[in-house]
Amino acid sequence: MRNRINRRTDNLASVSKDKALEDEHNTSGIFFMYSFFDKETHNNHKIKIDKVNRWRYETSNELVPENRYMFAVGKNGALYLGNPTVHSQFKAGKQVQSAGWIEYQWDNEEQQAKILIDNCSGHYTPTLSQFIQTLYGLHQAKFLPDHLEIRLSKFTLFDYENMSPFWNEIIKEAKLETTEVLSLTYSEQDDGFVFMRSSGETAKMDKKDIFPEKTDLRMEA
């Protein structure tokens, strides 16, 4: 059974400075609001997949119930799932590949997961490249099916060079703190993704687009 995606990366999301201060305040004192996961709790939230790619808890081997969960993918590629107070609890405030929310269902007829996933983490707010690269890794490791749905936080940083107007329009038209739901399909021919809006407008990213040279990513100072 696989319990992590295939790659490490140095393109990592960090807890913002203001949220790190909140964590310091909320995890200390007698009347603390929440705590970072200890090793046992951390391991209990780790996810693996079985031979039919159904999600299970790493420690108990129990099936993951259909639900909406917070998630984080750690630096080493492990997927953590649950509903803590904040995303930083999963990895004790450390950097992650991505974080957000997942709506997980299992289709018995198709024998595959039905997924809606986003990067809506107030603590991390992963950039577009961090989010899409994580999706690619999760798909290659069979955690995600060939067809799923995604949405973006309205505050997503577009850190790819030469971005398609497709993405700017999605953010511009977002009426809430998240964008509309997009359809994502894996293209075996291009080894990449095809994104589609409800209007039918599409954008493609092959593997070279998803993982450009470091000089092609707009990195904040």
C-alpha atoms as a PDB file:
ATOM      1  CA  MET A   1       0.000   0.000   0.000  1.00  0.00           C
ATOM      2  CA  ARG A   2       1.319   3.426  -0.923  1.00  0.00           C
ATOM      3  CA  ASN A   3       1.441   6.091   1.772  1.00  0.00           C
ATOM      4  CA  ARG A   4       3.178   9.033   0.141  1.00  0.00           C
ATOM      5  CA  ILE A   5       3.619  10.713  -3.210  1.00  0.00           C
ATOM      6  CA  ASN A   6       6.723  10.041  -5.269  1.00  0.00           C
ATOM      7  CA  ARG A   7       8.630  13.251  -4.875  1.00  0.00           C
ATOM      8  CA  ARG A   8      10.178  15.684  -2.451  1.00  0.00           C
ATOM      9  CA  THR A   9      10.309  19.354  -3.334  1.00  0.00           C
ATOM     10  CA  ASP A  10      11.767  22.621  -2.146  1.00  0.00           C
ATOM     11  CA  ASN A  11       8.744  24.530  -3.487  1.00  0.00           C
ATOM     12  CA  LEU A  12       7.042  24.597  -0.103  1.00  0.00           C
ATOM     13  CA  ALA A  13       4.272  26.613   1.531  1.00  0.00           C
ATOM     14  CA  SER A  14       5.032  28.263   4.867  1.00  0.00           C
ATOM     15  CA  VAL A  15       2.731  29.491   7.611  1.00  0.00           C
ATOM     16  CA  SER A  16       2.315  33.251   7.234  1.00  0.00           C
ATOM     17  CA  LYS A  17       3.950  35.436   9.881  1.00  0.00           C
ATOM     18  CA  ASP A  18       0.658  36.617  11.362  1.00  0.00           C
ATOM     19  CA  LYS A  19      -0.712  33.070  11.570  1.00  0.00           C
ATOM     20  CA  ALA A  20       2.531  31.858  13.150  1.00  0.00           C
ATOM     21  CA  LEU A  21       2.040  34.454  15.885  1.00  0.00           C
ATOM     22  CA  GLU A  22      -1.547  33.252  16.327  1.00  0.00           C
ATOM     23  CA  ASP A  23      -0.287  29.674  16.662  1.00  0.00           C
ATOM     24  CA  GLU A  24       2.248  30.726  19.277  1.00  0.00           C
ATOM     25  CA  HIS A  25      -0.490  32.424  21.283  1.00  0.00           C
ATOM     26  CA  ASN A  26      -3.163  29.754  20.825  1.00  0.00           C
ATOM     27  CA  THR A  27      -0.962  26.750  21.627  1.00  0.00           C
ATOM     28  CA  SER A  28       0.498  28.104  24.868  1.00  0.00           C
ATOM     29  CA  GLY A  29      -0.717  28.768  28.378  1.00  0.00           C
ATOM     30  CA  ILE A  30      -3.271  27.055  30.583  1.00  0.00           C
ATOM     31  CA  PHE A  31      -6.198  28.101  28.413  1.00  0.00           C
ATOM     32  CA  PHE A  32      -4.687  27.168  25.048  1.00  0.00           C
ATOM     33  CA  MET A  33      -7.070  27.012  22.072  1.00  0.00           C
ATOM     34  CA  TYR A  34      -5.465  24.051  20.284  1.00  0.00           C
ATOM     35  CA  SER A  35      -2.207  22.105  20.157  1.00  0.00           C
ATOM     36  CA  PHE A  36       0.132  20.811  17.485  1.00  0.00           C
ATOM     37  CA  PHE A  37      -0.135  17.083  16.825  1.00  0.00           C
ATOM     38  CA  ASP A  38       2.165  14.809  18.794  1.00  0.00           C
ATOM     39  CA  LYS A  39       3.765  11.849  16.998  1.00  0.00           C
ATOM     40  CA  GLU A  40       0.875   9.461  17.705  1.00  0.00           C
ATOM     41  CA  THR A  41      -1.847  11.896  16.608  1.00  0.00           C
ATOM     42  CA  HIS A  42       0.248  12.855  13.597  1.00  0.00           C
ATOM     43  CA  ASN A  43       0.529   9.216  12.495  1.00  0.00           C
ATOM     44  CA  ASN A  44      -3.181   8.578  13.101  1.00  0.00           C
ATOM     45  CA  HIS A  45      -4.038  11.225  10.488  1.00  0.00           C
ATOM     46  CA  LYS A  46      -1.705   9.830   7.839  1.00  0.00           C
ATOM     47  CA  ILE A  47      -3.418   8.335   4.771  1.00  0.00           C
ATOM     48  CA  LYS A  48      -2.503   5.425   2.510  1.00  0.00           C
ATOM     49  CA  ILE A  49      -4.255   3.734  -0.409  1.00  0.00           C
ATOM     50  CA  ASP A  50      -5.106   0.066  -0.820  1.00  0.00           C
ATOM     51  CA  LYS A  51      -4.937  -2.091  -3.957  1.00  0.00           C
ATOM     52  CA  VAL A  52      -8.042  -0.456  -5.464  1.00  0.00           C
ATOM     53  CA  ASN A  53      -6.797   3.041  -4.511  1.00  0.00           C
ATOM     54  CA  ARG A  54      -9.337   3.460  -1.729  1.00  0.00           C
ATOM     55  CA  TRP A  55      -8.161   5.710   1.081  1.00  0.00           C
ATOM     56  CA  ARG A  56      -7.328   4.191   4.450  1.00  0.00           C
ATOM     57  CA  TYR A  57      -5.789   5.439   7.666  1.00  0.00           C
ATOM     58  CA  GLU A  58      -2.152   4.407   7.889  1.00  0.00           C
ATOM     59  CA  THR A  59      -2.202   3.254  11.513  1.00  0.00           C
ATOM     60  CA  SER A  60      -5.623   1.607  11.881  1.00  0.00           C
ATOM     61  CA  ASN A  61      -6.077   0.482   8.255  1.00  0.00           C
ATOM     62  CA  GLU A  62      -9.713   1.630   8.524  1.00  0.00           C
ATOM     63  CA  LEU A  63     -11.442   3.090   5.477  1.00  0.00           C
ATOM     64  CA  VAL A  64     -11.630   6.877   5.363  1.00  0.00           C
ATOM     65  CA  PRO A  65     -15.341   7.844   5.669  1.00  0.00           C
ATOM     66  CA  GLU A  66     -16.880  10.017   2.986  1.00  0.00           C
ATOM     67  CA  ASN A  67     -16.693  13.573   4.272  1.00  0.00           C
ATOM     68  CA  ARG A  68     -15.128  17.007   3.883  1.00  0.00           C
ATOM     69  CA  TYR A  69     -11.686  17.214   5.456  1.00  0.00           C
ATOM     70  CA  MET A  70      -8.777  19.537   5.986  1.00  0.00           C
ATOM     71  CA  PHE A  71      -5.595  18.169   4.425  1.00  0.00           C
ATOM     72  CA  ALA A  72      -1.870  18.800   4.265  1.00  0.00           C
ATOM     73  CA  VAL A  73       0.872  17.126   2.243  1.00  0.00           C
ATOM     74  CA  GLY A  74       4.147  17.152   4.127  1.00  0.00           C
ATOM     75  CA  LYS A  75       7.598  17.934   2.762  1.00  0.00           C
ATOM     76  CA  ASN A  76       8.306  14.227   2.258  1.00  0.00           C
ATOM     77  CA  GLY A  77       5.042  13.644   0.389  1.00  0.00           C
ATOM     78  CA  ALA A  78       2.797  12.075   3.051  1.00  0.00           C
ATOM     79  CA  LEU A  79      -0.912  12.994   2.971  1.00  0.00           C
ATOM     80  CA  TYR A  80      -2.596  13.942   6.252  1.00  0.00           C
ATOM     81  CA  LEU A  81      -6.351  14.211   6.610  1.00  0.00           C
ATOM     82  CA  GLY A  82      -8.674  15.280   9.409  1.00  0.00           C
ATOM     83  CA  ASN A  83     -10.565  18.185  10.913  1.00  0.00           C
ATOM     84  CA  PRO A  84      -8.307  19.943  13.398  1.00  0.00           C
ATOM     85  CA  THR A  85      -8.773  23.621  14.249  1.00  0.00           C
ATOM     86  CA  VAL A  86      -6.105  24.889  11.816  1.00  0.00           C
ATOM     87  CA  HIS A  87      -3.989  23.346   9.062  1.00  0.00           C
ATOM     88  CA  SER A  88      -0.689  23.983  10.841  1.00  0.00           C
ATOM     89  CA  GLN A  89      -1.530  21.377  13.490  1.00  0.00           C
ATOM     90  CA  PHE A  90      -0.832  18.522  11.056  1.00  0.00           C
ATOM     91  CA  LYS A  91       2.892  19.320  10.752  1.00  0.00           C
ATOM     92  CA  ALA A  92       3.401  21.414  13.893  1.00  0.00           C
ATOM     93  CA  GLY A  93       3.756  24.637  11.929  1.00  0.00           C
ATOM     94  CA  LYS A  94       6.392  23.268   9.533  1.00  0.00           C
ATOM     95  CA  GLN A  95       6.423  23.825   5.788  1.00  0.00           C
ATOM     96  CA  VAL A  96       4.182  21.681   3.581  1.00  0.00           C
ATOM     97  CA  GLN A  97       3.845  20.960  -0.130  1.00  0.00           C
ATOM     98  CA  SER A  98       0.228  22.110  -0.022  1.00  0.00           C
ATOM     99  CA  ALA A  99      -2.805  22.360   2.252  1.00  0.00           C
ATOM    100  CA  GLY A 100      -6.510  23.035   1.943  1.00  0.00           C
ATOM    101  CA  TRP A 101      -9.793  21.135   1.943  1.00  0.00           C
ATOM    102  CA  ILE A 102     -10.876  17.865   0.320  1.00  0.00           C
ATOM    103  CA  GLU A 103     -14.379  16.533  -0.249  1.00  0.00           C
ATOM    104  CA  TYR A 104     -13.854  12.770  -0.469  1.00  0.00           C
ATOM    105  CA  GLN A 105     -16.399  10.244  -1.741  1.00  0.00           C
ATOM    106  CA  TRP A 106     -16.049   6.682  -2.989  1.00  0.00           C
ATOM    107  CA  ASP A 107     -17.946   5.549  -6.095  1.00  0.00           C
ATOM    108  CA  ASN A 108     -18.629   1.828  -5.641  1.00  0.00           C
ATOM    109  CA  GLU A 109     -19.839   1.412  -9.211  1.00  0.00           C
ATOM    110  CA  GLU A 110     -16.771   3.025 -10.764  1.00  0.00           C
ATOM    111  CA  GLN A 111     -14.467   1.799  -7.993  1.00  0.00           C
ATOM    112  CA  GLN A 112     -12.715   5.127  -7.693  1.00  0.00           C
ATOM    113  CA  ALA A 113     -12.640   8.215  -5.524  1.00  0.00           C
ATOM    114  CA  LYS A 114     -14.693  11.331  -6.297  1.00  0.00           C
ATOM    115  CA  ILE A 115     -12.725  14.382  -5.241  1.00  0.00           C
ATOM    116  CA  LEU A 116     -13.199  18.126  -4.854  1.00  0.00           C
ATOM    117  CA  ILE A 117      -9.982  19.689  -3.580  1.00  0.00           C
ATOM    118  CA  ASP A 118      -8.807  23.265  -2.977  1.00  0.00           C
ATOM    119  CA  ASN A 119      -5.909  25.272  -1.547  1.00  0.00           C
ATOM    120  CA  CYS A 120      -8.032  27.244   0.920  1.00  0.00           C
ATOM    121  CA  SER A 121      -5.776  27.299   3.953  1.00  0.00           C
ATOM    122  CA  GLY A 122      -5.630  30.597   5.796  1.00  0.00           C
ATOM    123  CA  HIS A 123      -2.389  29.530   7.460  1.00  0.00           C
ATOM    124  CA  TYR A 124      -0.546  28.447   4.294  1.00  0.00           C
ATOM    125  CA  THR A 125      -2.484  29.677   1.203  1.00  0.00           C
ATOM    126  CA  PRO A 126      -0.356  27.603  -1.198  1.00  0.00           C
ATOM    127  CA  THR A 127       0.632  29.291  -4.454  1.00  0.00           C
ATOM    128  CA  LEU A 128      -0.734  28.024  -7.758  1.00  0.00           C
ATOM    129  CA  SER A 129       2.475  26.105  -8.505  1.00  0.00           C
ATOM    130  CA  GLN A 130       2.560  24.516  -5.044  1.00  0.00           C
ATOM    131  CA  PHE A 131      -1.058  23.418  -5.366  1.00  0.00           C
ATOM    132  CA  ILE A 132      -0.858  22.058  -8.924  1.00  0.00           C
ATOM    133  CA  GLN A 133       2.475  20.322  -8.329  1.00  0.00           C
ATOM    134  CA  THR A 134       0.955  18.612  -5.298  1.00  0.00           C
ATOM    135  CA  LEU A 135      -2.065  17.533  -7.343  1.00  0.00           C
ATOM    136  CA  TYR A 136       0.279  16.038  -9.926  1.00  0.00           C
ATOM    137  CA  GLY A 137       2.175  14.124  -7.248  1.00  0.00           C
ATOM    138  CA  LEU A 138      -1.025  12.845  -5.624  1.00  0.00           C
ATOM    139  CA  HIS A 139      -2.324  11.706  -9.005  1.00  0.00           C
ATOM    140  CA  GLN A 140       0.897   9.913  -9.923  1.00  0.00           C
ATOM    141  CA  ALA A 141       0.751   8.103  -6.572  1.00  0.00           C
ATOM    142  CA  LYS A 142      -2.875   7.049  -7.329  1.00  0.00           C
ATOM    143  CA  PHE A 143      -4.437   9.071  -4.497  1.00  0.00           C
ATOM    144  CA  LEU A 144      -6.364  11.080  -7.095  1.00  0.00           C
ATOM    145  CA  PRO A 145      -8.351   9.735 -10.084  1.00  0.00           C
ATOM    146  CA  ASP A 146      -7.951  10.911 -13.682  1.00  0.00           C
ATOM    147  CA  HIS A 147     -11.001  13.163 -13.320  1.00  0.00           C
ATOM    148  CA  LEU A 148     -11.661  15.405 -10.316  1.00  0.00           C
ATOM    149  CA  GLU A 149     -12.786  18.899  -9.375  1.00  0.00           C
ATOM    150  CA  ILE A 150     -10.750  21.744  -7.925  1.00  0.00           C
ATOM    151  CA  ARG A 151     -11.196  25.333  -6.846  1.00  0.00           C
ATOM    152  CA  LEU A 152      -8.787  28.043  -5.753  1.00  0.00           C
ATOM    153  CA  SER A 153      -8.597  30.456  -2.896  1.00  0.00           C
ATOM    154  CA  LYS A 154      -9.269  33.983  -4.130  1.00  0.00           C
ATOM    155  CA  PHE A 155      -5.953  34.912  -2.498  1.00  0.00           C
ATOM    156  CA  THR A 156      -3.877  32.425  -4.510  1.00  0.00           C
ATOM    157  CA  LEU A 157      -0.523  33.800  -5.699  1.00  0.00           C
ATOM    158  CA  PHE A 158       0.055  33.087  -9.397  1.00  0.00           C
ATOM    159  CA  ASP A 159       3.771  32.277  -9.383  1.00  0.00           C
ATOM    160  CA  TYR A 160       4.121  30.780 -12.869  1.00  0.00           C
ATOM    161  CA  GLU A 161       5.602  32.983 -15.605  1.00  0.00           C
ATOM    162  CA  ASN A 162       3.501  33.671 -18.710  1.00  0.00           C
ATOM    163  CA  MET A 163       0.241  32.756 -17.026  1.00  0.00           C
ATOM    164  CA  SER A 164      -2.744  32.096 -19.259  1.00  0.00           C
ATOM    165  CA  PRO A 165      -5.566  34.694 -18.993  1.00  0.00           C
ATOM    166  CA  PHE A 166      -7.709  31.681 -18.047  1.00  0.00           C
ATOM    167  CA  TRP A 167      -6.466  31.902 -14.447  1.00  0.00           C
ATOM    168  CA  ASN A 168      -6.697  35.672 -14.083  1.00  0.00           C
ATOM    169  CA  GLU A 169     -10.303  35.612 -15.257  1.00  0.00           C
ATOM    170  CA  ILE A 170     -11.208  32.924 -12.738  1.00  0.00           C
ATOM    171  CA  ILE A 171      -9.849  34.953  -9.831  1.00  0.00           C
ATOM    172  CA  LYS A 172     -11.300  38.217 -11.151  1.00  0.00           C
ATOM    173  CA  GLU A 173     -14.768  36.693 -11.405  1.00  0.00           C
ATOM    174  CA  ALA A 174     -14.684  35.010  -7.988  1.00  0.00           C
ATOM    175  CA  LYS A 175     -17.580  36.398  -5.946  1.00  0.00           C
ATOM    176  CA  LEU A 176     -16.659  34.714  -2.669  1.00  0.00           C
ATOM    177  CA  GLU A 177     -13.347  33.726  -1.099  1.00  0.00           C
ATOM    178  CA  THR A 178     -13.113  30.789  -3.513  1.00  0.00           C
ATOM    179  CA  THR A 179     -13.337  30.530  -7.272  1.00  0.00           C
ATOM    180  CA  GLU A 180     -15.857  28.541  -9.248  1.00  0.00           C
ATOM    181  CA  VAL A 181     -15.345  24.782  -9.350  1.00  0.00           C
ATOM    182  CA  LEU A 182     -13.125  23.634 -12.226  1.00  0.00           C
ATOM    183  CA  SER A 183     -12.990  20.222 -13.847  1.00  0.00           C
ATOM    184  CA  LEU A 184      -9.490  18.715 -13.924  1.00  0.00           C
ATOM    185  CA  THR A 185      -8.622  15.827 -16.245  1.00  0.00           C
ATOM    186  CA  TYR A 186      -5.278  14.058 -16.477  1.00  0.00           C
ATOM    187  CA  SER A 187      -3.960  13.829 -20.053  1.00  0.00           C
ATOM    188  CA  GLU A 188      -1.762  10.770 -20.514  1.00  0.00           C
ATOM    189  CA  GLN A 189      -0.649  12.048 -23.916  1.00  0.00           C
ATOM    190  CA  ASP A 190       0.732  15.292 -22.453  1.00  0.00           C
ATOM    191  CA  ASP A 191       1.503  13.893 -18.992  1.00  0.00           C
ATOM    192  CA  GLY A 192      -0.303  16.883 -17.572  1.00  0.00           C
ATOM    193  CA  PHE A 193      -3.680  18.408 -16.767  1.00  0.00           C
ATOM    194  CA  VAL A 194      -6.577  19.926 -18.680  1.00  0.00           C
ATOM    195  CA  PHE A 195      -8.622  22.428 -16.672  1.00  0.00           C
ATOM    196  CA  MET A 196     -12.177  23.328 -17.716  1.00  0.00           C
ATOM    197  CA  ARG A 197     -14.576  26.017 -16.546  1.00  0.00           C
ATOM    198  CA  SER A 198     -18.347  25.589 -16.473  1.00  0.00           C
ATOM    199  CA  SER A 199     -18.428  27.789 -19.601  1.00  0.00           C
ATOM    200  CA  GLY A 200     -16.366  25.186 -21.482  1.00  0.00           C
ATOM    201  CA  GLU A 201     -13.211  27.328 -21.609  1.00  0.00           C
ATOM    202  CA  THR A 202     -10.087  25.229 -21.080  1.00  0.00           C
ATOM    203  CA  ALA A 203      -6.410  25.550 -20.227  1.00  0.00           C
ATOM    204  CA  LYS A 204      -3.701  22.906 -20.497  1.00  0.00           C
ATOM    205  CA  MET A 205      -0.522  22.333 -18.523  1.00  0.00           C
ATOM    206  CA  ASP A 206       1.878  19.535 -19.442  1.00  0.00           C
ATOM    207  CA  LYS A 207       4.533  18.284 -17.040  1.00  0.00           C
ATOM    208  CA  LYS A 208       7.069  20.880 -18.192  1.00  0.00           C
ATOM    209  CA  ASP A 209       4.517  23.617 -17.523  1.00  0.00           C
ATOM    210  CA  ILE A 210       3.736  22.212 -14.086  1.00  0.00           C
ATOM    211  CA  PHE A 211       7.399  21.812 -13.124  1.00  0.00           C
ATOM    212  CA  PRO A 212       9.289  24.623 -14.891  1.00  0.00           C
ATOM    213  CA  GLU A 213      12.891  25.519 -14.205  1.00  0.00           C
ATOM    214  CA  LYS A 214      13.230  27.463 -10.966  1.00  0.00           C
ATOM    215  CA  THR A 215      13.998  30.609 -12.941  1.00  0.00           C
ATOM    216  CA  ASP A 216      10.507  30.395 -14.442  1.00  0.00           C
ATOM    217  CA  LEU A 217       8.783  30.713 -11.081  1.00  0.00           C
ATOM    218  CA  ARG A 218       8.120  34.153  -9.673  1.00  0.00           C
ATOM    219  CA  MET A 219       9.385  33.823  -6.126  1.00  0.00           C
ATOM    220  CA  GLU A 220       8.605  36.434  -3.496  1.00  0.00           C
ATOM    221  CA  ALA A 221      11.538  37.965  -1.632  1.00  0.00           C
END
